[in-house]
Amino acid sequence: MTKTQAEPRLAPPGAGLPVHEWLVAKYIIFPRLFKTTSKEEALSRFADQSEKLLAIARAQAPEDLVRRQLVKRLQGMEDSSRYWSVAMVLDHLTIVGSNIQLVVSALSRGKTIDRKASIKEVKPRTDLDPLETIEKFEKMSDRFVSVLKDIDVDAFPNVKYSHPWFGPLNAHQWLIFAAPHEDIHRRQALAIVQCNNLDL
């Protein structure tokens, strides 16, 4: 999508995934990951995805980082997220990563969380400073790993907090969720960059 095109009409935030895709994720993909992924593996995969995202962002000119593009919907991504810039991807991931860190920390101490998780509340802003957005994402990623590496995520396995799409998750499960979520948006960032290059 070029800069001269009108803003697309997309489904509202929180509309969710196609039913078949949601079922596969909820009952096959994530249960398998939850059974086979250690805390150390989850943190390593998160750090790896973050580094890849930073490499993508740092390779772009500042003006390209804030250029929104309409991309095809990727598996695991809802329709409302298709018209973002690379900076918006990083802003969204900074919000979500910070929230997951707080959730994992609380659940690992046996604390319940009263506030309901909302897809709409983690959507990115559009008025972003590109370089500041990269810096905030990098700080979030470093903090995520440094804080959670010393936490016992299996201390209270029955204390859970509900994901809007996937239901109640404990601390270990929330931690494992973080890397696949970043992977989806890493692929989105690559698609945005490809569209930017076609616009040149």
N, C-alpha and C. Protein backbone atom coordinates (compact mmCIF):
# COMPACT_ATOMS: atom_id res chain seq x y z
N MET A 1 0.84 -1.20 0.00
CA MET A 1 0.00 0.00 0.00
C MET A 1 0.87 1.24 0.00
N THR A 2 0.60 2.20 -0.87
CA THR A 2 1.40 3.40 -0.95
C THR A 2 0.84 4.49 -0.07
N LYS A 3 1.63 5.56 0.08
CA LYS A 3 1.26 6.65 0.98
C LYS A 3 -0.01 7.36 0.51
N THR A 4 -0.34 7.31 -0.79
CA THR A 4 -1.46 8.06 -1.32
C THR A 4 -2.79 7.32 -1.16
N GLN A 5 -2.78 6.08 -0.79
CA GLN A 5 -4.01 5.32 -0.65
C GLN A 5 -4.72 5.66 0.66
N ALA A 6 -6.05 5.53 0.63
CA ALA A 6 -6.84 5.82 1.82
C ALA A 6 -6.63 4.73 2.86
N GLU A 7 -6.87 5.08 4.13
CA GLU A 7 -6.74 4.10 5.20
C GLU A 7 -7.76 2.99 5.01
N PRO A 8 -7.33 1.74 5.09
CA PRO A 8 -8.24 0.62 4.81
C PRO A 8 -9.26 0.41 5.92
N ARG A 9 -10.35 -0.22 5.55
CA ARG A 9 -11.37 -0.60 6.53
C ARG A 9 -11.06 -2.02 6.99
N LEU A 10 -10.71 -2.15 8.26
CA LEU A 10 -10.33 -3.44 8.81
C LEU A 10 -11.26 -3.82 9.96
N ALA A 11 -11.20 -5.08 10.36
CA ALA A 11 -11.99 -5.53 11.51
C ALA A 11 -11.53 -4.78 12.76
N PRO A 12 -12.40 -4.61 13.74
CA PRO A 12 -12.02 -3.88 14.96
C PRO A 12 -11.01 -4.65 15.79
N PRO A 13 -10.20 -3.95 16.59
CA PRO A 13 -9.26 -4.63 17.49
C PRO A 13 -9.98 -5.61 18.41
N GLY A 14 -9.42 -6.80 18.53
CA GLY A 14 -10.03 -7.81 19.40
C GLY A 14 -10.98 -8.73 18.67
N ALA A 15 -11.16 -8.53 17.35
CA ALA A 15 -12.07 -9.40 16.59
C ALA A 15 -11.56 -10.84 16.56
N GLY A 16 -10.25 -11.00 16.71
CA GLY A 16 -9.69 -12.34 16.85
C GLY A 16 -9.25 -12.98 15.54
N LEU A 17 -8.90 -14.26 15.65
CA LEU A 17 -8.40 -15.04 14.52
C LEU A 17 -9.52 -15.84 13.88
N PRO A 18 -9.33 -16.30 12.63
CA PRO A 18 -10.28 -17.25 12.06
C PRO A 18 -10.41 -18.46 12.99
N VAL A 19 -11.61 -19.02 13.06
CA VAL A 19 -11.87 -20.08 14.04
C VAL A 19 -10.91 -21.26 13.91
N HIS A 20 -10.67 -21.72 12.69
CA HIS A 20 -9.79 -22.88 12.52
C HIS A 20 -8.37 -22.58 13.00
N GLU A 21 -7.92 -21.36 12.76
CA GLU A 21 -6.57 -20.96 13.16
C GLU A 21 -6.47 -20.86 14.68
N TRP A 22 -7.51 -20.30 15.28
CA TRP A 22 -7.55 -20.19 16.74
C TRP A 22 -7.56 -21.57 17.39
N LEU A 23 -8.34 -22.49 16.84
CA LEU A 23 -8.42 -23.84 17.41
C LEU A 23 -7.06 -24.55 17.36
N VAL A 24 -6.38 -24.43 16.23
CA VAL A 24 -5.06 -25.06 16.09
C VAL A 24 -4.08 -24.47 17.09
N ALA A 25 -4.09 -23.14 17.23
CA ALA A 25 -3.17 -22.49 18.16
C ALA A 25 -3.47 -22.87 19.60
N LYS A 26 -4.74 -22.82 19.97
CA LYS A 26 -5.13 -23.05 21.36
C LYS A 26 -4.99 -24.51 21.79
N TYR A 27 -5.30 -25.44 20.90
CA TYR A 27 -5.37 -26.84 21.32
C TYR A 27 -4.23 -27.71 20.79
N ILE A 28 -3.41 -27.18 19.88
CA ILE A 28 -2.29 -27.97 19.36
C ILE A 28 -0.96 -27.26 19.54
N ILE A 29 -0.82 -26.08 18.94
CA ILE A 29 0.49 -25.41 18.93
C ILE A 29 0.96 -25.04 20.33
N PHE A 30 0.14 -24.27 21.05
CA PHE A 30 0.59 -23.81 22.36
C PHE A 30 0.68 -24.93 23.40
N PRO A 31 -0.26 -25.87 23.47
CA PRO A 31 -0.08 -26.98 24.41
C PRO A 31 1.22 -27.75 24.19
N ARG A 32 1.60 -27.91 22.92
CA ARG A 32 2.86 -28.61 22.61
C ARG A 32 4.06 -27.80 23.11
N LEU A 33 4.02 -26.48 22.85
CA LEU A 33 5.11 -25.62 23.33
C LEU A 33 5.17 -25.60 24.85
N PHE A 34 4.02 -25.55 25.50
CA PHE A 34 3.99 -25.50 26.96
C PHE A 34 4.60 -26.76 27.58
N LYS A 35 4.45 -27.90 26.91
CA LYS A 35 4.97 -29.16 27.44
C LYS A 35 6.47 -29.33 27.19
N THR A 36 6.98 -28.70 26.16
CA THR A 36 8.35 -29.01 25.72
C THR A 36 9.36 -27.87 25.91
N THR A 37 8.92 -26.69 26.33
CA THR A 37 9.81 -25.53 26.40
C THR A 37 10.18 -25.18 27.83
N SER A 38 11.46 -25.16 28.13
CA SER A 38 11.92 -24.77 29.46
C SER A 38 11.96 -23.25 29.58
N LYS A 39 12.12 -22.77 30.80
CA LYS A 39 12.24 -21.32 31.02
C LYS A 39 13.43 -20.78 30.26
N GLU A 40 14.54 -21.48 30.32
CA GLU A 40 15.76 -21.03 29.65
C GLU A 40 15.57 -20.95 28.13
N GLU A 41 14.91 -21.95 27.57
CA GLU A 41 14.64 -21.94 26.13
C GLU A 41 13.71 -20.79 25.76
N ALA A 42 12.70 -20.56 26.58
CA ALA A 42 11.75 -19.48 26.31
C ALA A 42 12.44 -18.13 26.31
N LEU A 43 13.32 -17.89 27.28
CA LEU A 43 14.05 -16.63 27.35
C LEU A 43 15.02 -16.49 26.18
N SER A 44 15.69 -17.56 25.82
CA SER A 44 16.63 -17.53 24.71
C SER A 44 15.92 -17.23 23.39
N ARG A 45 14.78 -17.84 23.19
CA ARG A 45 14.01 -17.61 21.96
C ARG A 45 13.48 -16.18 21.91
N PHE A 46 13.07 -15.66 23.06
CA PHE A 46 12.60 -14.28 23.12
C PHE A 46 13.74 -13.32 22.76
N ALA A 47 14.90 -13.54 23.36
CA ALA A 47 16.05 -12.67 23.09
C ALA A 47 16.45 -12.75 21.62
N ASP A 48 16.37 -13.93 21.04
CA ASP A 48 16.73 -14.11 19.63
C ASP A 48 15.77 -13.36 18.72
N GLN A 49 14.46 -13.47 19.00
CA GLN A 49 13.48 -12.75 18.20
C GLN A 49 13.68 -11.24 18.33
N SER A 50 13.96 -10.78 19.54
CA SER A 50 14.17 -9.35 19.76
C SER A 50 15.37 -8.83 18.97
N GLU A 51 16.45 -9.61 18.96
CA GLU A 51 17.64 -9.20 18.21
C GLU A 51 17.35 -9.13 16.71
N LYS A 52 16.58 -10.07 16.22
CA LYS A 52 16.22 -10.06 14.80
C LYS A 52 15.36 -8.84 14.46
N LEU A 53 14.44 -8.51 15.35
CA LEU A 53 13.60 -7.33 15.14
C LEU A 53 14.42 -6.04 15.16
N LEU A 54 15.36 -5.97 16.08
CA LEU A 54 16.22 -4.78 16.15
C LEU A 54 17.06 -4.65 14.89
N ALA A 55 17.55 -5.76 14.37
CA ALA A 55 18.34 -5.73 13.14
C ALA A 55 17.51 -5.23 11.97
N ILE A 56 16.27 -5.68 11.89
CA ILE A 56 15.37 -5.21 10.83
C ILE A 56 15.16 -3.70 10.95
N ALA A 57 14.84 -3.25 12.16
CA ALA A 57 14.53 -1.83 12.37
C ALA A 57 15.74 -0.94 12.10
N ARG A 58 16.90 -1.35 12.56
CA ARG A 58 18.10 -0.52 12.42
C ARG A 58 18.58 -0.43 10.97
N ALA A 59 18.11 -1.33 10.14
CA ALA A 59 18.50 -1.30 8.72
C ALA A 59 17.63 -0.35 7.90
N GLN A 60 16.59 0.24 8.55
CA GLN A 60 15.67 1.11 7.83
C GLN A 60 15.98 2.59 8.09
N ALA A 61 15.68 3.42 7.11
CA ALA A 61 15.76 4.86 7.31
C ALA A 61 14.65 5.30 8.25
N PRO A 62 14.86 6.35 9.05
CA PRO A 62 13.82 6.80 10.00
C PRO A 62 12.46 7.02 9.35
N GLU A 63 12.44 7.60 8.15
CA GLU A 63 11.16 7.87 7.50
C GLU A 63 10.45 6.57 7.08
N ASP A 64 11.23 5.53 6.79
CA ASP A 64 10.62 4.24 6.44
C ASP A 64 10.09 3.51 7.67
N LEU A 65 10.67 3.76 8.81
CA LEU A 65 10.21 3.11 10.04
C LEU A 65 8.79 3.51 10.41
N VAL A 66 8.37 4.70 10.02
CA VAL A 66 7.03 5.18 10.38
C VAL A 66 6.06 5.13 9.20
N ARG A 67 6.47 4.53 8.10
CA ARG A 67 5.59 4.41 6.94
C ARG A 67 4.69 3.20 7.09
N ARG A 68 3.40 3.43 7.14
CA ARG A 68 2.44 2.34 7.32
C ARG A 68 2.19 1.63 5.99
N GLN A 69 2.04 0.32 6.09
CA GLN A 69 1.78 -0.50 4.91
C GLN A 69 0.70 -1.52 5.23
N LEU A 70 -0.17 -1.75 4.27
CA LEU A 70 -1.20 -2.78 4.41
C LEU A 70 -0.63 -4.10 3.91
N VAL A 71 -0.45 -5.05 4.80
CA VAL A 71 0.12 -6.34 4.43
C VAL A 71 -0.94 -7.43 4.53
N LYS A 72 -0.68 -8.54 3.88
CA LYS A 72 -1.59 -9.68 4.00
C LYS A 72 -1.59 -10.18 5.44
N ARG A 73 -2.73 -10.69 5.87
CA ARG A 73 -2.82 -11.19 7.24
C ARG A 73 -1.95 -12.44 7.38
N LEU A 74 -1.08 -12.41 8.37
CA LEU A 74 -0.22 -13.55 8.66
C LEU A 74 -0.90 -14.47 9.67
N GLN A 75 -0.52 -15.73 9.67
CA GLN A 75 -1.06 -16.66 10.64
C GLN A 75 -0.75 -16.17 12.05
N GLY A 76 -1.78 -16.09 12.89
CA GLY A 76 -1.60 -15.63 14.26
C GLY A 76 -1.82 -14.14 14.45
N MET A 77 -2.10 -13.42 13.37
CA MET A 77 -2.28 -11.97 13.44
C MET A 77 -3.70 -11.61 13.03
N GLU A 78 -4.38 -10.80 13.84
CA GLU A 78 -5.75 -10.45 13.49
C GLU A 78 -5.78 -9.33 12.44
N ASP A 79 -6.93 -9.18 11.82
CA ASP A 79 -7.09 -8.26 10.69
C ASP A 79 -6.76 -6.81 11.06
N SER A 80 -7.11 -6.38 12.25
CA SER A 80 -6.92 -4.98 12.64
C SER A 80 -5.46 -4.57 12.72
N SER A 81 -4.56 -5.53 12.74
CA SER A 81 -3.12 -5.23 12.87
C SER A 81 -2.40 -5.16 11.53
N ARG A 82 -3.11 -5.23 10.43
CA ARG A 82 -2.45 -5.35 9.12
C ARG A 82 -1.90 -4.03 8.58
N TYR A 83 -2.37 -2.91 9.11
CA TYR A 83 -1.96 -1.61 8.55
C TYR A 83 -1.07 -0.88 9.56
N TRP A 84 0.15 -1.38 9.72
CA TRP A 84 1.10 -0.81 10.67
C TRP A 84 2.40 -0.43 9.96
N SER A 85 3.20 0.33 10.68
CA SER A 85 4.59 0.59 10.27
C SER A 85 5.51 -0.29 11.11
N VAL A 86 6.78 -0.33 10.75
CA VAL A 86 7.74 -1.08 11.57
C VAL A 86 7.80 -0.49 12.97
N ALA A 87 7.75 0.83 13.08
CA ALA A 87 7.76 1.46 14.40
C ALA A 87 6.55 1.05 15.22
N MET A 88 5.39 0.92 14.57
CA MET A 88 4.18 0.48 15.28
C MET A 88 4.32 -0.96 15.76
N VAL A 89 4.96 -1.79 14.96
CA VAL A 89 5.23 -3.17 15.38
C VAL A 89 6.05 -3.17 16.66
N LEU A 90 7.12 -2.38 16.69
CA LEU A 90 7.98 -2.32 17.87
C LEU A 90 7.25 -1.74 19.07
N ASP A 91 6.41 -0.73 18.84
CA ASP A 91 5.65 -0.14 19.94
C ASP A 91 4.70 -1.16 20.55
N HIS A 92 4.00 -1.90 19.69
CA HIS A 92 3.11 -2.96 20.16
C HIS A 92 3.87 -4.00 20.97
N LEU A 93 5.01 -4.42 20.47
CA LEU A 93 5.79 -5.44 21.17
C LEU A 93 6.37 -4.92 22.48
N THR A 94 6.67 -3.64 22.54
CA THR A 94 7.15 -3.05 23.79
C THR A 94 6.04 -3.07 24.84
N ILE A 95 4.83 -2.73 24.42
CA ILE A 95 3.69 -2.75 25.34
C ILE A 95 3.42 -4.17 25.82
N VAL A 96 3.34 -5.11 24.88
CA VAL A 96 3.02 -6.50 25.23
C VAL A 96 4.13 -7.12 26.06
N GLY A 97 5.38 -6.91 25.67
CA GLY A 97 6.50 -7.48 26.41
C GLY A 97 6.56 -6.97 27.84
N SER A 98 6.32 -5.68 28.02
CA SER A 98 6.30 -5.10 29.37
C SER A 98 5.18 -5.71 30.20
N ASN A 99 4.02 -5.87 29.58
CA ASN A 99 2.88 -6.46 30.29
C ASN A 99 3.14 -7.91 30.66
N ILE A 100 3.71 -8.68 29.73
CA ILE A 100 3.99 -10.09 30.03
C ILE A 100 5.00 -10.20 31.16
N GLN A 101 6.01 -9.35 31.16
CA GLN A 101 6.99 -9.37 32.25
C GLN A 101 6.31 -9.16 33.59
N LEU A 102 5.40 -8.19 33.67
CA LEU A 102 4.69 -7.92 34.92
C LEU A 102 3.79 -9.09 35.31
N VAL A 103 3.12 -9.68 34.32
CA VAL A 103 2.23 -10.81 34.59
C VAL A 103 3.03 -12.01 35.11
N VAL A 104 4.12 -12.34 34.44
CA VAL A 104 4.95 -13.48 34.86
C VAL A 104 5.51 -13.24 36.26
N SER A 105 5.96 -12.03 36.53
CA SER A 105 6.50 -11.71 37.85
C SER A 105 5.44 -11.87 38.93
N ALA A 106 4.23 -11.40 38.67
CA ALA A 106 3.15 -11.49 39.66
C ALA A 106 2.73 -12.94 39.88
N LEU A 107 2.48 -13.67 38.81
CA LEU A 107 2.03 -15.06 38.94
C LEU A 107 3.08 -15.93 39.60
N SER A 108 4.34 -15.62 39.37
CA SER A 108 5.43 -16.40 39.99
C SER A 108 5.51 -16.18 41.49
N ARG A 109 4.90 -15.12 41.97
CA ARG A 109 4.82 -14.86 43.42
C ARG A 109 3.48 -15.30 44.00
N GLY A 110 2.66 -15.92 43.18
CA GLY A 110 1.36 -16.40 43.64
C GLY A 110 0.30 -15.33 43.68
N LYS A 111 0.55 -14.19 43.04
CA LYS A 111 -0.40 -13.09 43.06
C LYS A 111 -1.36 -13.17 41.88
N THR A 112 -2.64 -12.97 42.16
CA THR A 112 -3.63 -12.93 41.10
C THR A 112 -3.74 -11.51 40.55
N ILE A 113 -4.23 -11.40 39.32
CA ILE A 113 -4.36 -10.10 38.66
C ILE A 113 -5.84 -9.87 38.35
N ASP A 114 -6.38 -8.78 38.86
CA ASP A 114 -7.80 -8.51 38.70
C ASP A 114 -8.14 -7.90 37.34
N ARG A 115 -7.23 -7.10 36.80
CA ARG A 115 -7.53 -6.39 35.56
C ARG A 115 -7.60 -7.35 34.38
N LYS A 116 -8.64 -7.19 33.57
CA LYS A 116 -8.83 -8.05 32.40
C LYS A 116 -7.91 -7.63 31.27
N ALA A 117 -7.25 -8.60 30.64
CA ALA A 117 -6.38 -8.31 29.49
C ALA A 117 -7.22 -7.89 28.29
N SER A 118 -6.75 -6.89 27.55
CA SER A 118 -7.49 -6.36 26.42
C SER A 118 -6.60 -6.25 25.19
N ILE A 119 -7.05 -6.79 24.07
CA ILE A 119 -6.32 -6.67 22.81
C ILE A 119 -6.26 -5.20 22.39
N LYS A 120 -7.36 -4.51 22.54
CA LYS A 120 -7.44 -3.10 22.12
C LYS A 120 -6.41 -2.24 22.83
N GLU A 121 -6.16 -2.52 24.10
CA GLU A 121 -5.26 -1.68 24.90
C GLU A 121 -3.79 -1.86 24.55
N VAL A 122 -3.45 -2.89 23.80
CA VAL A 122 -2.03 -3.09 23.44
C VAL A 122 -1.75 -2.75 21.98
N LYS A 123 -2.72 -2.13 21.31
CA LYS A 123 -2.47 -1.67 19.95
C LYS A 123 -1.52 -0.47 20.00
N PRO A 124 -0.70 -0.30 18.97
CA PRO A 124 0.31 0.76 19.00
C PRO A 124 -0.25 2.14 18.68
N ARG A 125 0.53 3.16 19.04
CA ARG A 125 0.24 4.52 18.63
C ARG A 125 0.69 4.70 17.18
N THR A 126 0.24 5.76 16.56
CA THR A 126 0.67 6.07 15.20
C THR A 126 1.68 7.22 15.16
N ASP A 127 1.68 8.05 16.21
CA ASP A 127 2.57 9.23 16.25
C ASP A 127 3.86 8.89 16.98
N LEU A 128 4.70 8.10 16.35
CA LEU A 128 5.89 7.58 17.02
C LEU A 128 7.17 8.22 16.50
N ASP A 129 8.09 8.47 17.43
CA ASP A 129 9.45 8.85 17.05
C ASP A 129 10.21 7.56 16.75
N PRO A 130 10.68 7.35 15.53
CA PRO A 130 11.24 6.05 15.15
C PRO A 130 12.44 5.60 15.97
N LEU A 131 13.38 6.50 16.20
CA LEU A 131 14.59 6.11 16.93
C LEU A 131 14.29 5.88 18.41
N GLU A 132 13.40 6.69 18.97
CA GLU A 132 13.00 6.49 20.36
C GLU A 132 12.26 5.17 20.53
N THR A 133 11.47 4.81 19.53
CA THR A 133 10.73 3.55 19.57
C THR A 133 11.67 2.35 19.57
N ILE A 134 12.72 2.41 18.77
CA ILE A 134 13.73 1.34 18.77
C ILE A 134 14.38 1.24 20.14
N GLU A 135 14.75 2.38 20.71
CA GLU A 135 15.41 2.40 22.02
C GLU A 135 14.52 1.80 23.10
N LYS A 136 13.24 2.15 23.09
CA LYS A 136 12.31 1.62 24.09
C LYS A 136 12.13 0.11 23.94
N PHE A 137 12.08 -0.36 22.70
CA PHE A 137 11.95 -1.79 22.47
C PHE A 137 13.18 -2.54 22.97
N GLU A 138 14.35 -2.00 22.69
CA GLU A 138 15.58 -2.65 23.14
C GLU A 138 15.65 -2.71 24.66
N LYS A 139 15.28 -1.62 25.32
CA LYS A 139 15.30 -1.60 26.79
C LYS A 139 14.30 -2.59 27.36
N MET A 140 13.11 -2.67 26.76
CA MET A 140 12.12 -3.64 27.23
C MET A 140 12.65 -5.06 27.10
N SER A 141 13.26 -5.38 25.96
CA SER A 141 13.76 -6.73 25.71
C SER A 141 14.86 -7.12 26.70
N ASP A 142 15.77 -6.19 26.95
CA ASP A 142 16.85 -6.45 27.91
C ASP A 142 16.30 -6.64 29.32
N ARG A 143 15.35 -5.79 29.68
CA ARG A 143 14.75 -5.87 31.02
C ARG A 143 13.96 -7.17 31.18
N PHE A 144 13.24 -7.57 30.14
CA PHE A 144 12.45 -8.79 30.16
C PHE A 144 13.33 -9.98 30.55
N VAL A 145 14.45 -10.12 29.89
CA VAL A 145 15.35 -11.25 30.15
C VAL A 145 16.03 -11.13 31.51
N SER A 146 16.53 -9.94 31.83
CA SER A 146 17.28 -9.77 33.08
C SER A 146 16.39 -9.96 34.31
N VAL A 147 15.14 -9.54 34.23
CA VAL A 147 14.23 -9.69 35.37
C VAL A 147 13.74 -11.13 35.51
N LEU A 148 13.36 -11.76 34.41
CA LEU A 148 12.71 -13.06 34.49
C LEU A 148 13.67 -14.24 34.59
N LYS A 149 14.94 -14.04 34.28
CA LYS A 149 15.88 -15.17 34.34
C LYS A 149 16.07 -15.70 35.75
N ASP A 150 15.85 -14.87 36.76
CA ASP A 150 16.05 -15.29 38.14
C ASP A 150 14.75 -15.62 38.87
N ILE A 151 13.65 -15.67 38.14
CA ILE A 151 12.34 -15.93 38.73
C ILE A 151 11.97 -17.40 38.56
N ASP A 152 11.36 -17.99 39.59
CA ASP A 152 10.88 -19.37 39.51
C ASP A 152 9.48 -19.35 38.92
N VAL A 153 9.40 -19.55 37.61
CA VAL A 153 8.10 -19.45 36.94
C VAL A 153 7.19 -20.65 37.22
N ASP A 154 7.73 -21.68 37.87
CA ASP A 154 6.93 -22.87 38.18
C ASP A 154 6.52 -22.93 39.65
N ALA A 155 6.73 -21.84 40.37
CA ALA A 155 6.44 -21.84 41.81
C ALA A 155 4.95 -21.98 42.11
N PHE A 156 4.09 -21.37 41.28
CA PHE A 156 2.64 -21.42 41.51
C PHE A 156 1.93 -21.76 40.19
N PRO A 157 2.02 -23.01 39.76
CA PRO A 157 1.48 -23.39 38.45
C PRO A 157 -0.04 -23.25 38.32
N ASN A 158 -0.74 -23.21 39.45
CA ASN A 158 -2.20 -23.11 39.39
C ASN A 158 -2.71 -21.68 39.46
N VAL A 159 -1.80 -20.72 39.63
CA VAL A 159 -2.19 -19.31 39.63
C VAL A 159 -2.08 -18.82 38.19
N LYS A 160 -3.20 -18.36 37.64
CA LYS A 160 -3.23 -18.05 36.21
C LYS A 160 -3.87 -16.68 35.92
N TYR A 161 -3.61 -16.23 34.71
CA TYR A 161 -4.18 -14.97 34.22
C TYR A 161 -4.63 -15.23 32.78
N SER A 162 -5.83 -14.81 32.44
CA SER A 162 -6.41 -15.16 31.15
C SER A 162 -5.93 -14.30 29.99
N HIS A 163 -5.48 -14.96 28.95
CA HIS A 163 -5.22 -14.30 27.67
C HIS A 163 -6.58 -14.13 26.97
N PRO A 164 -6.81 -13.01 26.28
CA PRO A 164 -8.11 -12.78 25.64
C PRO A 164 -8.52 -13.85 24.64
N TRP A 165 -7.56 -14.50 24.00
CA TRP A 165 -7.87 -15.53 23.00
C TRP A 165 -7.64 -16.94 23.51
N PHE A 166 -6.66 -17.14 24.38
CA PHE A 166 -6.22 -18.49 24.72
C PHE A 166 -6.53 -18.91 26.15
N GLY A 167 -7.24 -18.07 26.88
CA GLY A 167 -7.70 -18.46 28.20
C GLY A 167 -6.64 -18.39 29.28
N PRO A 168 -6.90 -19.03 30.45
CA PRO A 168 -6.00 -18.94 31.60
C PRO A 168 -4.63 -19.56 31.33
N LEU A 169 -3.58 -18.78 31.60
CA LEU A 169 -2.20 -19.24 31.47
C LEU A 169 -1.45 -18.97 32.76
N ASN A 170 -0.56 -19.89 33.15
CA ASN A 170 0.26 -19.64 34.34
C ASN A 170 1.54 -18.90 33.93
N ALA A 171 2.41 -18.64 34.90
CA ALA A 171 3.61 -17.85 34.64
C ALA A 171 4.49 -18.47 33.56
N HIS A 172 4.71 -19.77 33.66
CA HIS A 172 5.56 -20.45 32.67
C HIS A 172 4.95 -20.35 31.28
N GLN A 173 3.65 -20.53 31.19
CA GLN A 173 2.98 -20.49 29.90
C GLN A 173 3.01 -19.09 29.28
N TRP A 174 2.80 -18.06 30.10
CA TRP A 174 2.90 -16.69 29.61
C TRP A 174 4.31 -16.41 29.08
N LEU A 175 5.31 -16.89 29.79
CA LEU A 175 6.69 -16.68 29.35
C LEU A 175 6.94 -17.34 28.00
N ILE A 176 6.47 -18.55 27.84
CA ILE A 176 6.64 -19.28 26.58
C ILE A 176 5.91 -18.57 25.43
N PHE A 177 4.78 -17.97 25.73
CA PHE A 177 3.98 -17.28 24.72
C PHE A 177 4.72 -16.10 24.08
N ALA A 178 5.63 -15.48 24.83
CA ALA A 178 6.25 -14.22 24.40
C ALA A 178 7.02 -14.34 23.08
N ALA A 179 7.83 -15.38 22.92
CA ALA A 179 8.66 -15.51 21.72
C ALA A 179 7.84 -15.77 20.45
N PRO A 180 6.88 -16.70 20.45
CA PRO A 180 6.06 -16.89 19.25
C PRO A 180 5.30 -15.62 18.86
N HIS A 181 4.88 -14.85 19.86
CA HIS A 181 4.20 -13.59 19.57
C HIS A 181 5.14 -12.63 18.85
N GLU A 182 6.37 -12.54 19.31
CA GLU A 182 7.34 -11.67 18.63
C GLU A 182 7.66 -12.20 17.23
N ASP A 183 7.69 -13.50 17.07
CA ASP A 183 7.98 -14.08 15.76
C ASP A 183 6.93 -13.69 14.72
N ILE A 184 5.66 -13.71 15.12
CA ILE A 184 4.59 -13.29 14.22
C ILE A 184 4.83 -11.86 13.73
N HIS A 185 5.16 -10.98 14.67
CA HIS A 185 5.33 -9.58 14.30
C HIS A 185 6.68 -9.30 13.64
N ARG A 186 7.66 -10.17 13.85
CA ARG A 186 8.91 -10.06 13.09
C ARG A 186 8.62 -10.30 11.61
N ARG A 187 7.81 -11.32 11.34
CA ARG A 187 7.45 -11.60 9.95
C ARG A 187 6.60 -10.46 9.37
N GLN A 188 5.77 -9.85 10.20
CA GLN A 188 5.02 -8.68 9.76
C GLN A 188 5.96 -7.53 9.40
N ALA A 189 6.96 -7.29 10.25
CA ALA A 189 7.93 -6.22 9.99
C ALA A 189 8.65 -6.45 8.66
N LEU A 190 9.01 -7.69 8.38
CA LEU A 190 9.67 -8.00 7.11
C LEU A 190 8.74 -7.73 5.93
N ALA A 191 7.45 -8.04 6.09
CA ALA A 191 6.48 -7.78 5.03
C ALA A 191 6.31 -6.28 4.80
N ILE A 192 6.34 -5.50 5.88
CA ILE A 192 6.24 -4.04 5.76
C ILE A 192 7.44 -3.49 5.02
N VAL A 193 8.63 -3.97 5.38
CA VAL A 193 9.86 -3.52 4.71
C VAL A 193 9.80 -3.84 3.22
N GLN A 194 9.31 -5.02 2.89
CA GLN A 194 9.19 -5.40 1.48
C GLN A 194 8.26 -4.44 0.73
N CYS A 195 7.15 -4.07 1.35
CA CYS A 195 6.23 -3.10 0.74
C CYS A 195 6.88 -1.73 0.59
N ASN A 196 7.62 -1.32 1.61
CA ASN A 196 8.34 -0.04 1.52
C ASN A 196 9.29 -0.02 0.33
N ASN A 197 9.99 -1.13 0.14
CA ASN A 197 10.95 -1.21 -0.97
C ASN A 197 10.26 -1.15 -2.33
N LEU A 198 9.06 -1.73 -2.41
CA LEU A 198 8.31 -1.69 -3.67
C LEU A 198 7.81 -0.30 -3.98
N ASP A 199 7.63 0.53 -2.94
CA ASP A 199 7.13 1.90 -3.13
C ASP A 199 8.21 2.84 -3.65
N LEU A 200 9.47 2.43 -3.58
CA LEU A 200 10.57 3.33 -3.98
C LEU A 200 10.57 3.58 -5.49
